[in-house]
Amino acid sequence: MAPKRIFISYRRSDASGHAGRLYDYLRDYFGPERIFFDVDTIQAGANFEQRITTELDNSDAVLILIGNQWLDIQDKDGNR
């Protein structure tokens, strides 16, 4: 059985720098095979949505980073 993973969830436009530093620390502590971080673990051409779902199903912990703009961020149409 594969070891369970830690999933890092974040909004790129708001918390990518903090997420990257958290990933570096957790990777050094637990090893890269235990940490899911989309930028470093999803290969080009992979089905992003399917991979995210699979990784969430196989994670013991999900760390959600909420940045300063989390409450106010909007899409191109002005929707939250």
PDB file of N, CA and C in Angstrom:
ATOM      1  N   MET A   1       0.843  -1.178   0.000  1.00  0.00           N
ATOM      2  CA  MET A   1       0.000   0.000   0.000  1.00  0.00           C
ATOM      3  C   MET A   1       0.893   1.248   0.000  1.00  0.00           C
ATOM      4  N   ALA A   2       0.573   2.167  -0.873  1.00  0.00           N
ATOM      5  CA  ALA A   2       1.344   3.407  -0.974  1.00  0.00           C
ATOM      6  C   ALA A   2       1.068   4.289   0.238  1.00  0.00           C
ATOM      7  N   PRO A   3       2.080   5.033   0.677  1.00  0.00           N
ATOM      8  CA  PRO A   3       1.850   5.935   1.808  1.00  0.00           C
ATOM      9  C   PRO A   3       0.852   7.022   1.425  1.00  0.00           C
ATOM     10  N   LYS A   4       0.042   7.411   2.379  1.00  0.00           N
ATOM     11  CA  LYS A   4      -0.902   8.501   2.129  1.00  0.00           C
ATOM     12  C   LYS A   4      -0.144   9.795   1.907  1.00  0.00           C
ATOM     13  N   ARG A   5      -0.823  10.712   1.244  1.00  0.00           N
ATOM     14  CA  ARG A   5      -0.176  11.954   0.849  1.00  0.00           C
ATOM     15  C   ARG A   5      -0.786  13.166   1.534  1.00  0.00           C
ATOM     16  N   ILE A   6      -0.067  14.252   1.458  1.00  0.00           N
ATOM     17  CA  ILE A   6      -0.536  15.551   1.924  1.00  0.00           C
ATOM     18  C   ILE A   6      -0.823  16.378   0.679  1.00  0.00           C
ATOM     19  N   PHE A   7      -2.036  16.878   0.566  1.00  0.00           N
ATOM     20  CA  PHE A   7      -2.485  17.638  -0.598  1.00  0.00           C
ATOM     21  C   PHE A   7      -2.463  19.118  -0.242  1.00  0.00           C
ATOM     22  N   ILE A   8      -1.769  19.921  -1.043  1.00  0.00           N
ATOM     23  CA  ILE A   8      -1.719  21.366  -0.828  1.00  0.00           C
ATOM     24  C   ILE A   8      -2.662  22.024  -1.832  1.00  0.00           C
ATOM     25  N   SER A   9      -3.675  22.714  -1.306  1.00  0.00           N
ATOM     26  CA  SER A   9      -4.653  23.405  -2.140  1.00  0.00           C
ATOM     27  C   SER A   9      -4.471  24.909  -1.965  1.00  0.00           C
ATOM     28  N   TYR A  10      -4.447  25.635  -3.082  1.00  0.00           N
ATOM     29  CA  TYR A  10      -4.221  27.075  -3.020  1.00  0.00           C
ATOM     30  C   TYR A  10      -4.698  27.709  -4.312  1.00  0.00           C
ATOM     31  N   ARG A  11      -4.928  28.995  -4.297  1.00  0.00           N
ATOM     32  CA  ARG A  11      -5.264  29.756  -5.504  1.00  0.00           C
ATOM     33  C   ARG A  11      -3.971  30.374  -6.000  1.00  0.00           C
ATOM     34  N   ARG A  12      -3.623  30.066  -7.236  1.00  0.00           N
ATOM     35  CA  ARG A  12      -2.343  30.547  -7.790  1.00  0.00           C
ATOM     36  C   ARG A  12      -2.230  32.059  -7.766  1.00  0.00           C
ATOM     37  N   SER A  13      -3.317  32.748  -8.052  1.00  0.00           N
ATOM     38  CA  SER A  13      -3.242  34.209  -8.125  1.00  0.00           C
ATOM     39  C   SER A  13      -3.111  34.866  -6.762  1.00  0.00           C
ATOM     40  N   ASP A  14      -3.306  34.105  -5.697  1.00  0.00           N
ATOM     41  CA  ASP A  14      -3.351  34.707  -4.370  1.00  0.00           C
ATOM     42  C   ASP A  14      -2.340  34.130  -3.380  1.00  0.00           C
ATOM     43  N   ALA A  15      -1.961  32.864  -3.549  1.00  0.00           N
ATOM     44  CA  ALA A  15      -1.141  32.240  -2.513  1.00  0.00           C
ATOM     45  C   ALA A  15      -0.037  31.339  -3.059  1.00  0.00           C
ATOM     46  N   SER A  16       0.321  31.489  -4.326  1.00  0.00           N
ATOM     47  CA  SER A  16       1.295  30.567  -4.906  1.00  0.00           C
ATOM     48  C   SER A  16       2.671  30.646  -4.243  1.00  0.00           C
ATOM     49  N   GLY A  17       3.102  31.835  -3.865  1.00  0.00           N
ATOM     50  CA  GLY A  17       4.410  31.961  -3.216  1.00  0.00           C
ATOM     51  C   GLY A  17       4.455  31.241  -1.881  1.00  0.00           C
ATOM     52  N   HIS A  18       3.429  31.417  -1.082  1.00  0.00           N
ATOM     53  CA  HIS A  18       3.356  30.733   0.215  1.00  0.00           C
ATOM     54  C   HIS A  18       3.222  29.226   0.025  1.00  0.00           C
ATOM     55  N   ALA A  19       2.430  28.821  -0.956  1.00  0.00           N
ATOM     56  CA  ALA A  19       2.250  27.392  -1.224  1.00  0.00           C
ATOM     57  C   ALA A  19       3.571  26.757  -1.640  1.00  0.00           C
ATOM     58  N   GLY A  20       4.340  27.447  -2.449  1.00  0.00           N
ATOM     59  CA  GLY A  20       5.627  26.928  -2.886  1.00  0.00           C
ATOM     60  C   GLY A  20       6.598  26.731  -1.736  1.00  0.00           C
ATOM     61  N   ARG A  21       6.629  27.701  -0.835  1.00  0.00           N
ATOM     62  CA  ARG A  21       7.514  27.571   0.336  1.00  0.00           C
ATOM     63  C   ARG A  21       7.053  26.456   1.266  1.00  0.00           C
ATOM     64  N   LEU A  22       5.733  26.316   1.444  1.00  0.00           N
ATOM     65  CA  LEU A  22       5.195  25.230   2.262  1.00  0.00           C
ATOM     66  C   LEU A  22       5.543  23.882   1.647  1.00  0.00           C
ATOM     67  N   TYR A  23       5.375  23.783   0.331  1.00  0.00           N
ATOM     68  CA  TYR A  23       5.727  22.546  -0.371  1.00  0.00           C
ATOM     69  C   TYR A  23       7.204  22.199  -0.160  1.00  0.00           C
ATOM     70  N   ASP A  24       8.078  23.175  -0.316  1.00  0.00           N
ATOM     71  CA  ASP A  24       9.514  22.925  -0.134  1.00  0.00           C
ATOM     72  C   ASP A  24       9.801  22.368   1.260  1.00  0.00           C
ATOM     73  N   TYR A  25       9.202  22.963   2.280  1.00  0.00           N
ATOM     74  CA  TYR A  25       9.433  22.515   3.646  1.00  0.00           C
ATOM     75  C   TYR A  25       8.899  21.093   3.855  1.00  0.00           C
ATOM     76  N   LEU A  26       7.652  20.849   3.434  1.00  0.00           N
ATOM     77  CA  LEU A  26       7.045  19.530   3.622  1.00  0.00           C
ATOM     78  C   LEU A  26       7.768  18.456   2.805  1.00  0.00           C
ATOM     79  N   ARG A  27       8.191  18.804   1.617  1.00  0.00           N
ATOM     80  CA  ARG A  27       8.943  17.866   0.779  1.00  0.00           C
ATOM     81  C   ARG A  27      10.238  17.454   1.455  1.00  0.00           C
ATOM     82  N   ASP A  28      10.947  18.435   2.019  1.00  0.00           N
ATOM     83  CA  ASP A  28      12.201  18.133   2.701  1.00  0.00           C
ATOM     84  C   ASP A  28      11.970  17.282   3.951  1.00  0.00           C
ATOM     85  N   TYR A  29      10.850  17.480   4.629  1.00  0.00           N
ATOM     86  CA  TYR A  29      10.566  16.750   5.861  1.00  0.00           C
ATOM     87  C   TYR A  29      10.011  15.343   5.590  1.00  0.00           C
ATOM     88  N   PHE A  30       9.004  15.243   4.697  1.00  0.00           N
ATOM     89  CA  PHE A  30       8.318  13.967   4.449  1.00  0.00           C
ATOM     90  C   PHE A  30       8.821  13.226   3.211  1.00  0.00           C
ATOM     91  N   GLY A  31       9.463  13.937   2.294  1.00  0.00           N
ATOM     92  CA  GLY A  31       9.882  13.360   1.020  1.00  0.00           C
ATOM     93  C   GLY A  31       8.905  13.731  -0.077  1.00  0.00           C
ATOM     94  N   PRO A  32       9.398  13.871  -1.292  1.00  0.00           N
ATOM     95  CA  PRO A  32       8.562  14.354  -2.397  1.00  0.00           C
ATOM     96  C   PRO A  32       7.403  13.426  -2.758  1.00  0.00           C
ATOM     97  N   GLU A  33       7.549  12.135  -2.494  1.00  0.00           N
ATOM     98  CA  GLU A  33       6.481  11.191  -2.855  1.00  0.00           C
ATOM     99  C   GLU A  33       5.258  11.317  -1.950  1.00  0.00           C
ATOM    100  N   ARG A  34       5.371  12.036  -0.845  1.00  0.00           N
ATOM    101  CA  ARG A  34       4.262  12.170   0.099  1.00  0.00           C
ATOM    102  C   ARG A  34       3.473  13.462  -0.069  1.00  0.00           C
ATOM    103  N   ILE A  35       3.973  14.399  -0.870  1.00  0.00           N
ATOM    104  CA  ILE A  35       3.347  15.711  -0.976  1.00  0.00           C
ATOM    105  C   ILE A  35       2.782  15.892  -2.381  1.00  0.00           C
ATOM    106  N   PHE A  36       1.504  16.290  -2.455  1.00  0.00           N
ATOM    107  CA  PHE A  36       0.920  16.620  -3.750  1.00  0.00           C
ATOM    108  C   PHE A  36       0.856  18.131  -3.883  1.00  0.00           C
ATOM    109  N   PHE A  37       1.507  18.611  -4.928  1.00  0.00           N
ATOM    110  CA  PHE A  37       1.549  20.043  -5.249  1.00  0.00           C
ATOM    111  C   PHE A  37       1.438  20.127  -6.758  1.00  0.00           C
ATOM    112  N   ASP A  38       0.343  20.654  -7.254  1.00  0.00           N
ATOM    113  CA  ASP A  38       0.008  20.536  -8.670  1.00  0.00           C
ATOM    114  C   ASP A  38       1.124  20.927  -9.631  1.00  0.00           C
ATOM    115  N   VAL A  39       1.833  21.985  -9.333  1.00  0.00           N
ATOM    116  CA  VAL A  39       2.870  22.464 -10.249  1.00  0.00           C
ATOM    117  C   VAL A  39       3.970  21.423 -10.443  1.00  0.00           C
ATOM    118  N   ASP A  40       4.335  20.726  -9.381  1.00  0.00           N
ATOM    119  CA  ASP A  40       5.434  19.766  -9.457  1.00  0.00           C
ATOM    120  C   ASP A  40       4.998  18.330  -9.689  1.00  0.00           C
ATOM    121  N   THR A  41       3.702  18.019  -9.555  1.00  0.00           N
ATOM    122  CA  THR A  41       3.308  16.619  -9.609  1.00  0.00           C
ATOM    123  C   THR A  41       2.370  16.245 -10.749  1.00  0.00           C
ATOM    124  N   ILE A  42       1.785  17.180 -11.427  1.00  0.00           N
ATOM    125  CA  ILE A  42       0.921  16.840 -12.566  1.00  0.00           C
ATOM    126  C   ILE A  42       1.725  17.013 -13.845  1.00  0.00           C
ATOM    127  N   GLN A  43       1.855  15.939 -14.587  1.00  0.00           N
ATOM    128  CA  GLN A  43       2.609  15.959 -15.839  1.00  0.00           C
ATOM    129  C   GLN A  43       1.814  16.689 -16.928  1.00  0.00           C
ATOM    130  N   ALA A  44       2.508  17.307 -17.853  1.00  0.00           N
ATOM    131  CA  ALA A  44       1.867  17.978 -18.986  1.00  0.00           C
ATOM    132  C   ALA A  44       1.014  16.976 -19.758  1.00  0.00           C
ATOM    133  N   GLY A  45      -0.181  17.385 -20.124  1.00  0.00           N
ATOM    134  CA  GLY A  45      -1.086  16.536 -20.887  1.00  0.00           C
ATOM    135  C   GLY A  45      -1.969  15.644 -20.041  1.00  0.00           C
ATOM    136  N   ALA A  46      -1.745  15.595 -18.727  1.00  0.00           N
ATOM    137  CA  ALA A  46      -2.570  14.764 -17.849  1.00  0.00           C
ATOM    138  C   ALA A  46      -3.948  15.401 -17.678  1.00  0.00           C
ATOM    139  N   ASN A  47      -4.942  14.571 -17.379  1.00  0.00           N
ATOM    140  CA  ASN A  47      -6.284  15.065 -17.102  1.00  0.00           C
ATOM    141  C   ASN A  47      -6.256  15.707 -15.717  1.00  0.00           C
ATOM    142  N   PHE A  48      -6.248  17.038 -15.671  1.00  0.00           N
ATOM    143  CA  PHE A  48      -6.069  17.788 -14.431  1.00  0.00           C
ATOM    144  C   PHE A  48      -7.156  17.450 -13.412  1.00  0.00           C
ATOM    145  N   GLU A  49      -8.418  17.510 -13.823  1.00  0.00           N
ATOM    146  CA  GLU A  49      -9.532  17.272 -12.897  1.00  0.00           C
ATOM    147  C   GLU A  49      -9.489  15.852 -12.333  1.00  0.00           C
ATOM    148  N   GLN A  50      -9.219  14.878 -13.180  1.00  0.00           N
ATOM    149  CA  GLN A  50      -9.144  13.489 -12.726  1.00  0.00           C
ATOM    150  C   GLN A  50      -7.978  13.297 -11.753  1.00  0.00           C
ATOM    151  N   ARG A  51      -6.859  13.891 -12.051  1.00  0.00           N
ATOM    152  CA  ARG A  51      -5.687  13.751 -11.182  1.00  0.00           C
ATOM    153  C   ARG A  51      -5.926  14.388  -9.820  1.00  0.00           C
ATOM    154  N   ILE A  52      -6.567  15.562  -9.799  1.00  0.00           N
ATOM    155  CA  ILE A  52      -6.885  16.230  -8.537  1.00  0.00           C
ATOM    156  C   ILE A  52      -7.804  15.349  -7.698  1.00  0.00           C
ATOM    157  N   THR A  53      -8.844  14.802  -8.321  1.00  0.00           N
ATOM    158  CA  THR A  53      -9.784  13.929  -7.611  1.00  0.00           C
ATOM    159  C   THR A  53      -9.080  12.707  -7.037  1.00  0.00           C
ATOM    160  N   THR A  54      -8.238  12.077  -7.843  1.00  0.00           N
ATOM    161  CA  THR A  54      -7.501  10.896  -7.383  1.00  0.00           C
ATOM    162  C   THR A  54      -6.596  11.237  -6.204  1.00  0.00           C
ATOM    163  N   GLU A  55      -5.887  12.336  -6.304  1.00  0.00           N
ATOM    164  CA  GLU A  55      -4.975  12.732  -5.233  1.00  0.00           C
ATOM    165  C   GLU A  55      -5.726  13.077  -3.952  1.00  0.00           C
ATOM    166  N   LEU A  56      -6.862  13.745  -4.071  1.00  0.00           N
ATOM    167  CA  LEU A  56      -7.660  14.033  -2.878  1.00  0.00           C
ATOM    168  C   LEU A  56      -8.130  12.749  -2.215  1.00  0.00           C
ATOM    169  N   ASP A  57      -8.554  11.779  -3.013  1.00  0.00           N
ATOM    170  CA  ASP A  57      -9.001  10.488  -2.481  1.00  0.00           C
ATOM    171  C   ASP A  57      -7.879   9.748  -1.753  1.00  0.00           C
ATOM    172  N   ASN A  58      -6.641   9.974  -2.159  1.00  0.00           N
ATOM    173  CA  ASN A  58      -5.495   9.273  -1.587  1.00  0.00           C
ATOM    174  C   ASN A  58      -4.708  10.099  -0.572  1.00  0.00           C
ATOM    175  N   SER A  59      -5.308  11.159  -0.096  1.00  0.00           N
ATOM    176  CA  SER A  59      -4.617  12.032   0.854  1.00  0.00           C
ATOM    177  C   SER A  59      -5.187  11.868   2.250  1.00  0.00           C
ATOM    178  N   ASP A  60      -4.294  11.848   3.231  1.00  0.00           N
ATOM    179  CA  ASP A  60      -4.696  11.852   4.635  1.00  0.00           C
ATOM    180  C   ASP A  60      -4.991  13.261   5.123  1.00  0.00           C
ATOM    181  N   ALA A  61      -4.323  14.229   4.542  1.00  0.00           N
ATOM    182  CA  ALA A  61      -4.474  15.619   4.974  1.00  0.00           C
ATOM    183  C   ALA A  61      -4.550  16.520   3.753  1.00  0.00           C
ATOM    184  N   VAL A  62      -5.387  17.550   3.867  1.00  0.00           N
ATOM    185  CA  VAL A  62      -5.481  18.584   2.836  1.00  0.00           C
ATOM    186  C   VAL A  62      -5.205  19.911   3.526  1.00  0.00           C
ATOM    187  N   LEU A  63      -4.177  20.590   3.061  1.00  0.00           N
ATOM    188  CA  LEU A  63      -3.838  21.908   3.585  1.00  0.00           C
ATOM    189  C   LEU A  63      -4.370  22.944   2.608  1.00  0.00           C
ATOM    190  N   ILE A  64      -5.247  23.813   3.083  1.00  0.00           N
ATOM    191  CA  ILE A  64      -5.865  24.822   2.229  1.00  0.00           C
ATOM    192  C   ILE A  64      -5.295  26.180   2.605  1.00  0.00           C
ATOM    193  N   LEU A  65      -4.655  26.815   1.649  1.00  0.00           N
ATOM    194  CA  LEU A  65      -4.087  28.137   1.876  1.00  0.00           C
ATOM    195  C   LEU A  65      -5.072  29.186   1.394  1.00  0.00           C
ATOM    196  N   ILE A  66      -5.384  30.120   2.265  1.00  0.00           N
ATOM    197  CA  ILE A  66      -6.310  31.197   1.930  1.00  0.00           C
ATOM    198  C   ILE A  66      -5.519  32.494   1.963  1.00  0.00           C
ATOM    199  N   GLY A  67      -5.422  33.131   0.813  1.00  0.00           N
ATOM    200  CA  GLY A  67      -4.655  34.361   0.693  1.00  0.00           C
ATOM    201  C   GLY A  67      -5.469  35.597   1.038  1.00  0.00           C
ATOM    202  N   ASN A  68      -4.814  36.744   0.986  1.00  0.00           N
ATOM    203  CA  ASN A  68      -5.452  38.015   1.346  1.00  0.00           C
ATOM    204  C   ASN A  68      -6.622  38.387   0.447  1.00  0.00           C
ATOM    205  N   GLN A  69      -6.625  37.924  -0.788  1.00  0.00           N
ATOM    206  CA  GLN A  69      -7.679  38.298  -1.737  1.00  0.00           C
ATOM    207  C   GLN A  69      -8.810  37.278  -1.799  1.00  0.00           C
ATOM    208  N   TRP A  70      -8.788  36.270  -0.950  1.00  0.00           N
ATOM    209  CA  TRP A  70      -9.718  35.152  -1.039  1.00  0.00           C
ATOM    210  C   TRP A  70     -11.181  35.586  -1.049  1.00  0.00           C
ATOM    211  N   LEU A  71     -11.559  36.510  -0.196  1.00  0.00           N
ATOM    212  CA  LEU A  71     -12.961  36.941  -0.122  1.00  0.00           C
ATOM    213  C   LEU A  71     -13.374  37.838  -1.275  1.00  0.00           C
ATOM    214  N   ASP A  72     -12.428  38.540  -1.867  1.00  0.00           N
ATOM    215  CA  ASP A  72     -12.764  39.565  -2.850  1.00  0.00           C
ATOM    216  C   ASP A  72     -12.448  39.207  -4.304  1.00  0.00           C
ATOM    217  N   ILE A  73     -11.797  38.086  -4.543  1.00  0.00           N
ATOM    218  CA  ILE A  73     -11.375  37.758  -5.901  1.00  0.00           C
ATOM    219  C   ILE A  73     -12.576  37.503  -6.800  1.00  0.00           C
ATOM    220  N   GLN A  74     -12.472  37.937  -8.064  1.00  0.00           N
ATOM    221  CA  GLN A  74     -13.561  37.788  -9.028  1.00  0.00           C
ATOM    222  C   GLN A  74     -13.015  37.282 -10.344  1.00  0.00           C
ATOM    223  N   ASP A  75     -13.891  36.641 -11.122  1.00  0.00           N
ATOM    224  CA  ASP A  75     -13.498  36.194 -12.457  1.00  0.00           C
ATOM    225  C   ASP A  75     -13.639  37.367 -13.427  1.00  0.00           C
ATOM    226  N   LYS A  76     -13.395  37.121 -14.700  1.00  0.00           N
ATOM    227  CA  LYS A  76     -13.412  38.184 -15.714  1.00  0.00           C
ATOM    228  C   LYS A  76     -14.786  38.852 -15.862  1.00  0.00           C
ATOM    229  N   ASP A  77     -15.845  38.152 -15.410  1.00  0.00           N
ATOM    230  CA  ASP A  77     -17.202  38.699 -15.488  1.00  0.00           C
ATOM    231  C   ASP A  77     -17.631  39.385 -14.193  1.00  0.00           C
ATOM    232  N   GLY A  78     -16.741  39.455 -13.229  1.00  0.00           N
ATOM    233  CA  GLY A  78     -17.048  40.092 -11.963  1.00  0.00           C
ATOM    234  C   GLY A  78     -17.725  39.191 -10.949  1.00  0.00           C
ATOM    235  N   ASN A  79     -17.788  37.889 -11.237  1.00  0.00           N
ATOM    236  CA  ASN A  79     -18.407  36.946 -10.299  1.00  0.00           C
ATOM    237  C   ASN A  79     -17.389  36.472  -9.281  1.00  0.00           C
ATOM    238  N   ARG A  80     -17.843  36.223  -8.065  1.00  0.00           N
ATOM    239  CA  ARG A  80     -16.975  35.700  -7.019  1.00  0.00           C
ATOM    240  C   ARG A  80     -16.733  34.244  -7.234  1.00  0.00           C
TER     241      ARG A  80
END
